[in-house]
Amino acid sequence: MNVPTSMAQTSGCLAPGKRGEGVVVTVKVTPRASISRVEKVANAALKVRLAAPPVDGAANAELVKTMASFFGVAKSAVVISSGESSRTKRVSIRNVTLEEAIARLALLS
């Protein structure tokens, strides 16, 4: 794939999903923010601020909702693959191609 340099830099947090289905995103979350939003790509991770506190899975549920909204997919297409109790997580997103994900992340720059 021939990707412009700026797009290649934003894709450092992305990997193709298993069996070519969707993408896997490395995410660094900050709970208890004023609003939930996807901020930027930095240090090979997508920075996401979450309004929910990290209590009883509230931040994880908010992360699923925020990622689904950002990538334009249903919440059921977003699964936290690893790091459920960590600030750094791997999130699997179905129904989005690697190229579509790179294009969405490029809008953050």
Foldseek 3Di string as FASTA:
>chain_A
DDDDPLLVVLCLQWDQDPPRFFIKGKAQEAECDPDWAFAADDPSHTYIYYNHDLPPQPRVLRVLVHVCVLLVHDSVQKDFPDDSPHRITIIGGGPAHSVSVSVSNSVND
